[in-house]
Amino acid sequence: MKRVLVFLSFIVVILIFAFTFIKVKENYNINFEYADNISNESETNIISDNTMPEKNADDAFHLADINSPNIVEPILNNVIKPIESSNRISIIIDDSGNTLDYIDRYFHLANEYGITFAVLPDSSHSIDFSYLAYSNDVNVILHIPMEGSEYFGEQTLIRNGMNRDEVFKLLDYSFSRVPYAKGMNNHTGSVASKNIDTVSYMVDYAKNNDKYFVDSYTVPGSLIYDIALENNVKTAKRSVFLDNERDYDSIMKQWRELIRLSKEHGIAVGIGHYQSEETLNVLANNLPLLFEEGIISVNITEVLDTISTNQ
């Protein structure tokens, strides 16, 4: 009798698991087989032999290139027209998905101030982070690795020399790893973002799939912003890196630059990094004070939709 009960319990567990798997697949439109197949293709057909020095994957930060400019002007294309009297900022948090630490604090701020999270497709929590964001009405975008001066071992790295089909396949897979992403921005890219063919393929993908493409502007000479504009793909250029130096005072200095640029240009885009608790603290302490500066914080999708409707 005991064995029968154990067997029946085992069958019930299997049925529950199967039912849950089917419902998750239906609710979130996940194609598990597709993701696995693309992953294998990425390793064998898309990713060429690595000849670049690989950086320690245990590094807590997957930074933009070291020489990327902290402050960039202009911020957005010059056809934007003011909608409200308030100036605006938009915050993007790069390198999301490596950890679920701080997620409650970050999502609370995101609901209040429209923070957008740029999720690395290779990160260990990319899919569950994206689902949690979606269920909490939080905006995510794909943080797509592009060839730069450092290499972090990403399988999803966009590299010079890839043809259009290879870029499209890799982006298909990367977006499958970041469900509900409405657009993308580049992770590193000091080499690839200056290559007209590579950037053109990525912009073509964005246009064909109704995605926007924010230029993180990790190096002077990046073509992402200009080529996206030429092809009527929604785009913006990053104004300020908040935390290239990760102490509170340095981040505050960059925060003040973001505020200044917002007042000067009407809108400014700031990028921080998820694992920096100092960045989180600066945001938590200063976002509630924006109204005193006559500034509102909105997510990047809203910024780009505003630009689109006013062109």
Protein backbone atom coordinates (compact mmCIF):
# COMPACT_ATOMS: atom_id res chain seq x y z
CA MET A 1 0.00 0.00 0.00
CA LYS A 2 2.86 2.35 0.88
CA ARG A 3 4.49 1.74 -2.51
CA VAL A 4 1.21 2.50 -4.29
CA LEU A 5 0.89 5.82 -2.43
CA VAL A 6 4.49 6.74 -3.30
CA PHE A 7 3.88 5.90 -6.94
CA LEU A 8 0.65 7.92 -7.07
CA SER A 9 2.39 10.88 -5.42
CA PHE A 10 5.14 10.69 -8.05
CA ILE A 11 2.55 10.72 -10.86
CA VAL A 12 0.81 13.77 -9.32
CA VAL A 13 4.13 15.67 -9.14
CA ILE A 14 4.86 14.87 -12.80
CA LEU A 15 1.39 16.06 -13.85
CA ILE A 16 1.74 19.30 -11.89
CA PHE A 17 5.15 19.97 -13.44
CA ALA A 18 3.84 19.31 -16.96
CA PHE A 19 0.80 21.55 -16.41
CA THR A 20 2.99 24.36 -15.06
CA PHE A 21 5.41 24.06 -17.99
CA ILE A 22 2.56 24.27 -20.51
CA LYS A 23 0.95 27.28 -18.81
CA VAL A 24 4.21 29.18 -18.56
CA LYS A 25 4.89 28.50 -22.23
CA GLU A 26 1.38 29.69 -23.19
CA ASN A 27 1.32 32.74 -20.92
CA TYR A 28 4.73 34.07 -21.88
CA ASN A 29 4.88 32.75 -25.44
CA ILE A 30 8.23 31.07 -24.83
CA ASN A 31 9.63 28.70 -27.40
CA PHE A 32 12.05 26.67 -25.32
CA GLU A 33 13.14 24.48 -28.22
CA TYR A 34 13.87 27.53 -30.39
CA ALA A 35 16.11 29.11 -27.76
CA ASP A 36 18.08 25.90 -27.31
CA ASN A 37 18.56 25.43 -31.03
CA ILE A 38 19.71 28.98 -31.57
CA SER A 39 22.09 28.69 -28.64
CA ASN A 40 23.77 25.71 -30.27
CA GLU A 41 23.93 27.50 -33.60
CA SER A 42 25.48 30.50 -31.90
CA GLU A 43 28.33 28.39 -30.62
CA THR A 44 28.98 26.54 -33.84
CA ASN A 45 28.00 28.84 -36.69
CA ILE A 46 27.80 32.44 -35.47
CA ILE A 47 30.58 32.87 -32.95
CA SER A 48 33.94 32.90 -34.65
CA ASP A 49 37.15 31.88 -32.94
CA ASN A 50 37.97 34.27 -30.14
CA THR A 51 41.18 36.15 -30.78
CA MET A 52 40.57 38.94 -28.29
CA PRO A 53 41.87 38.87 -24.72
CA GLU A 54 39.09 37.76 -22.41
CA LYS A 55 38.39 39.76 -19.29
CA ASN A 56 37.69 37.98 -16.04
CA ALA A 57 34.02 36.96 -16.17
CA ASP A 58 33.81 37.25 -12.39
CA ASP A 59 34.26 41.01 -12.65
CA ALA A 60 31.22 42.52 -10.91
CA PHE A 61 30.85 45.16 -13.63
CA HIS A 62 30.74 44.68 -17.37
CA LEU A 63 31.77 48.25 -18.02
CA ALA A 64 31.62 50.33 -21.10
CA ASP A 65 35.02 50.93 -22.64
CA ILE A 66 37.43 52.67 -20.30
CA ASN A 67 37.93 55.67 -22.59
CA SER A 68 34.25 56.29 -23.26
CA PRO A 69 33.35 59.95 -22.66
CA ASN A 70 31.45 60.67 -19.46
CA ILE A 71 29.48 63.58 -20.92
CA VAL A 72 28.04 63.69 -24.42
CA GLU A 73 26.27 66.42 -26.38
CA PRO A 74 23.89 66.62 -28.17
CA ILE A 75 21.57 64.20 -26.41
CA LEU A 76 18.64 63.63 -28.76
CA ASN A 77 17.90 64.61 -32.33
CA ASN A 78 17.19 68.29 -32.74
CA VAL A 79 13.63 67.89 -33.99
CA ILE A 80 12.21 67.21 -30.52
CA LYS A 81 9.64 69.79 -29.49
CA PRO A 82 8.70 70.49 -25.86
CA ILE A 83 5.49 68.81 -24.73
CA GLU A 84 5.36 70.09 -21.17
CA SER A 85 7.00 72.88 -19.25
CA SER A 86 9.06 70.36 -17.26
CA ASN A 87 12.48 69.24 -18.40
CA ARG A 88 13.06 65.49 -18.43
CA ILE A 89 15.63 62.88 -17.61
CA SER A 90 15.59 59.19 -18.43
CA ILE A 91 17.62 56.62 -16.48
CA ILE A 92 18.86 53.34 -17.97
CA ILE A 93 20.49 50.76 -15.70
CA ASP A 94 22.94 48.64 -17.70
CA ASP A 95 24.19 45.13 -16.92
CA SER A 96 20.87 44.05 -15.41
CA GLY A 97 20.20 40.31 -15.10
CA ASN A 98 23.46 39.24 -13.46
CA THR A 99 21.80 39.22 -10.05
CA LEU A 100 18.40 39.70 -8.45
CA ASP A 101 19.90 41.63 -5.54
CA TYR A 102 18.36 45.09 -5.00
CA ILE A 103 15.44 44.19 -7.26
CA ASP A 104 12.72 45.31 -4.84
CA ARG A 105 14.38 48.69 -4.29
CA TYR A 106 15.06 49.19 -7.97
CA PHE A 107 11.56 48.20 -9.09
CA HIS A 108 10.01 50.54 -6.51
CA LEU A 109 12.01 53.42 -8.00
CA ALA A 110 11.22 52.23 -11.52
CA ASN A 111 7.48 52.39 -10.86
CA GLU A 112 7.79 55.91 -9.50
CA TYR A 113 10.36 57.33 -11.92
CA GLY A 114 10.32 55.23 -15.08
CA ILE A 115 13.74 53.62 -14.79
CA THR A 116 14.58 51.27 -17.68
CA PHE A 117 16.72 48.14 -17.18
CA ALA A 118 19.10 47.04 -19.95
CA VAL A 119 19.46 43.28 -19.55
CA LEU A 120 22.51 41.34 -20.75
CA PRO A 121 21.34 38.31 -22.76
CA ASP A 122 24.20 36.16 -21.44
CA SER A 123 23.45 36.92 -17.79
CA SER A 124 22.31 34.13 -15.50
CA HIS A 125 18.99 35.80 -14.63
CA SER A 126 18.14 37.48 -17.93
CA ILE A 127 14.86 35.62 -18.47
CA ASP A 128 13.51 35.62 -14.93
CA PHE A 129 14.59 39.25 -14.41
CA SER A 130 12.64 40.20 -17.55
CA TYR A 131 9.52 38.31 -16.42
CA LEU A 132 9.68 39.94 -12.99
CA ALA A 133 10.05 43.34 -14.60
CA TYR A 134 7.07 42.72 -16.88
CA SER A 135 4.88 41.52 -14.02
CA ASN A 136 5.78 44.70 -12.10
CA ASP A 137 5.14 47.01 -15.07
CA VAL A 138 8.83 47.85 -15.39
CA ASN A 139 10.52 48.56 -18.73
CA VAL A 140 13.37 46.34 -20.00
CA ILE A 141 15.54 46.56 -23.08
CA LEU A 142 18.22 44.30 -24.52
CA HIS A 143 21.79 45.27 -23.54
CA ILE A 144 23.50 43.80 -26.57
CA PRO A 145 27.26 43.15 -26.40
CA MET A 146 29.24 44.65 -29.27
CA GLU A 147 32.91 44.15 -29.99
CA GLY A 148 35.03 46.56 -27.97
CA SER A 149 38.45 46.97 -26.47
CA GLU A 150 37.69 44.27 -23.87
CA TYR A 151 36.05 40.87 -24.25
CA PHE A 152 33.91 39.28 -21.55
CA GLY A 153 33.31 35.90 -23.17
CA GLU A 154 29.77 36.62 -24.32
CA GLN A 155 28.21 34.15 -26.74
CA THR A 156 25.99 36.98 -28.00
CA LEU A 157 28.78 39.36 -29.01
CA ILE A 158 28.13 41.32 -32.22
CA ARG A 159 31.46 41.37 -34.03
CA ASN A 160 32.84 43.06 -37.10
CA GLY A 161 32.89 40.69 -40.05
CA MET A 162 29.52 39.10 -39.28
CA ASN A 163 27.15 39.16 -42.23
CA ARG A 164 23.54 40.33 -42.08
CA ASP A 165 22.09 36.85 -41.50
CA GLU A 166 24.52 36.17 -38.64
CA VAL A 167 23.64 39.46 -36.96
CA PHE A 168 19.91 38.83 -37.36
CA LYS A 169 20.18 35.29 -35.94
CA LEU A 170 22.19 36.45 -32.98
CA LEU A 171 19.77 39.28 -32.24
CA ASP A 172 16.82 36.88 -32.54
CA TYR A 173 18.40 34.69 -29.89
CA SER A 174 19.40 37.63 -27.69
CA PHE A 175 15.88 39.06 -27.69
CA SER A 176 14.54 35.60 -26.79
CA ARG A 177 16.71 35.85 -23.66
CA VAL A 178 15.15 39.21 -22.70
CA PRO A 179 11.39 38.76 -23.07
CA TYR A 180 9.26 41.90 -23.55
CA ALA A 181 12.22 44.09 -24.52
CA LYS A 182 10.99 46.91 -26.74
CA GLY A 183 14.42 48.02 -27.82
CA MET A 184 18.12 47.73 -27.19
CA ASN A 185 21.27 49.63 -26.33
CA ASN A 186 24.87 48.61 -26.82
CA HIS A 187 27.16 47.06 -24.23
CA THR A 188 30.73 48.22 -24.94
CA GLY A 189 31.23 48.46 -28.72
CA SER A 190 34.20 50.77 -29.21
CA VAL A 191 35.15 48.69 -32.25
CA ALA A 192 31.83 47.49 -33.70
CA SER A 193 29.86 50.69 -33.16
CA LYS A 194 32.19 52.51 -35.59
CA ASN A 195 31.73 49.91 -38.34
CA ILE A 196 29.13 51.05 -40.86
CA ASP A 197 28.21 47.52 -42.02
CA THR A 198 27.81 46.08 -38.51
CA VAL A 199 25.73 49.00 -37.28
CA SER A 200 23.62 49.04 -40.46
CA TYR A 201 22.70 45.37 -40.01
CA MET A 202 21.65 46.03 -36.40
CA VAL A 203 19.60 49.07 -37.39
CA ASP A 204 17.93 47.02 -40.16
CA TYR A 205 17.00 44.43 -37.55
CA ALA A 206 15.56 47.11 -35.26
CA LYS A 207 13.52 48.57 -38.11
CA ASN A 208 12.22 45.18 -39.28
CA ASN A 209 11.20 44.17 -35.76
CA ASP A 210 9.81 47.49 -34.49
CA LYS A 211 12.57 47.94 -31.90
CA TYR A 212 14.38 51.11 -30.93
CA PHE A 213 18.16 51.41 -30.61
CA VAL A 214 19.71 53.69 -28.01
CA ASP A 215 23.35 54.62 -28.57
CA SER A 216 25.24 54.15 -25.30
CA TYR A 217 28.00 56.12 -27.03
CA THR A 218 30.89 54.21 -25.55
CA VAL A 219 33.35 55.81 -27.95
CA PRO A 220 33.54 59.00 -30.04
CA GLY A 221 32.72 58.09 -33.61
CA SER A 222 29.92 55.66 -32.78
CA LEU A 223 27.56 55.42 -35.78
CA ILE A 224 24.53 53.95 -34.02
CA TYR A 225 22.67 57.20 -33.43
CA ASP A 226 23.28 58.68 -36.88
CA ILE A 227 22.45 55.51 -38.85
CA ALA A 228 19.32 54.93 -36.77
CA LEU A 229 18.16 58.49 -37.52
CA GLU A 230 18.82 58.03 -41.24
CA ASN A 231 16.64 54.90 -41.23
CA ASN A 232 13.78 56.33 -39.14
CA VAL A 233 14.52 54.01 -36.22
CA LYS A 234 13.70 55.51 -32.84
CA THR A 235 16.95 56.44 -31.15
CA ALA A 236 18.63 58.57 -28.50
CA LYS A 237 22.20 59.18 -27.48
CA ARG A 238 23.38 58.65 -23.91
CA SER A 239 24.22 61.93 -22.19
CA VAL A 240 25.97 60.90 -18.96
CA PHE A 241 27.57 57.78 -17.51
CA LEU A 242 26.72 58.06 -13.84
CA ASP A 243 29.15 55.58 -12.35
CA ASN A 244 32.34 55.09 -14.34
CA GLU A 245 33.77 55.90 -10.92
CA ARG A 246 31.72 54.11 -8.30
CA ASP A 247 31.96 56.22 -5.18
CA TYR A 248 29.01 58.28 -3.98
CA ASP A 249 30.61 61.71 -4.47
CA SER A 250 31.70 60.95 -8.06
CA ILE A 251 28.24 59.65 -8.94
CA MET A 252 26.68 62.78 -7.42
CA LYS A 253 28.94 64.92 -9.63
CA GLN A 254 27.65 63.05 -12.69
CA TRP A 255 24.09 63.34 -11.42
CA ARG A 256 24.46 67.13 -11.29
CA GLU A 257 25.73 67.07 -14.88
CA LEU A 258 22.63 65.11 -15.89
CA ILE A 259 20.42 67.73 -14.27
CA ARG A 260 22.34 70.55 -15.97
CA LEU A 261 22.03 68.93 -19.41
CA SER A 262 18.32 68.33 -18.86
CA LYS A 263 17.81 72.04 -18.19
CA GLU A 264 19.96 73.03 -21.16
CA HIS A 265 18.51 70.63 -23.75
CA GLY A 266 15.10 69.72 -22.33
CA ILE A 267 15.99 66.04 -22.00
CA ALA A 268 19.04 64.06 -20.85
CA VAL A 269 19.71 60.32 -20.71
CA GLY A 270 21.77 58.90 -17.84
CA ILE A 271 23.22 55.39 -17.71
CA GLY A 272 24.25 53.60 -14.51
CA HIS A 273 25.18 50.01 -13.70
CA TYR A 274 23.02 47.57 -11.78
CA GLN A 275 25.60 46.16 -9.37
CA SER A 276 26.60 49.59 -8.07
CA GLU A 277 24.80 50.01 -4.75
CA GLU A 278 26.20 53.56 -4.63
CA THR A 279 24.30 54.33 -7.85
CA LEU A 280 21.12 52.92 -6.36
CA ASN A 281 21.59 55.07 -3.26
CA VAL A 282 22.17 58.22 -5.32
CA LEU A 283 18.99 57.53 -7.29
CA ALA A 284 16.95 56.76 -4.19
CA ASN A 285 18.11 59.96 -2.50
CA ASN A 286 17.81 62.30 -5.47
CA LEU A 287 14.98 61.18 -7.73
CA PRO A 288 12.37 62.39 -5.20
CA LEU A 289 13.96 65.87 -5.32
CA LEU A 290 13.57 66.34 -9.07
CA PHE A 291 10.35 68.33 -8.75
CA GLU A 292 12.32 71.03 -6.95
CA GLU A 293 14.41 71.36 -10.14
CA GLY A 294 11.37 71.42 -12.42
CA ILE A 295 12.35 68.03 -13.87
CA ILE A 296 10.43 64.79 -14.34
CA SER A 297 11.88 61.31 -14.86
CA VAL A 298 10.37 59.08 -17.55
CA ASN A 299 11.29 55.76 -19.13
CA ILE A 300 13.20 55.77 -22.38
CA THR A 301 10.29 54.30 -24.36
CA GLU A 302 8.15 57.29 -23.46
CA VAL A 303 10.97 59.64 -24.48
CA LEU A 304 11.32 58.02 -27.87
CA ASP A 305 7.56 57.86 -28.46
CA THR A 306 7.41 61.58 -27.69
CA ILE A 307 10.12 62.30 -30.24
CA SER A 308 8.38 60.13 -32.85
CA THR A 309 5.01 61.89 -32.49
CA ASN A 310 6.60 65.34 -32.72
CA GLN A 311 8.71 64.90 -35.82
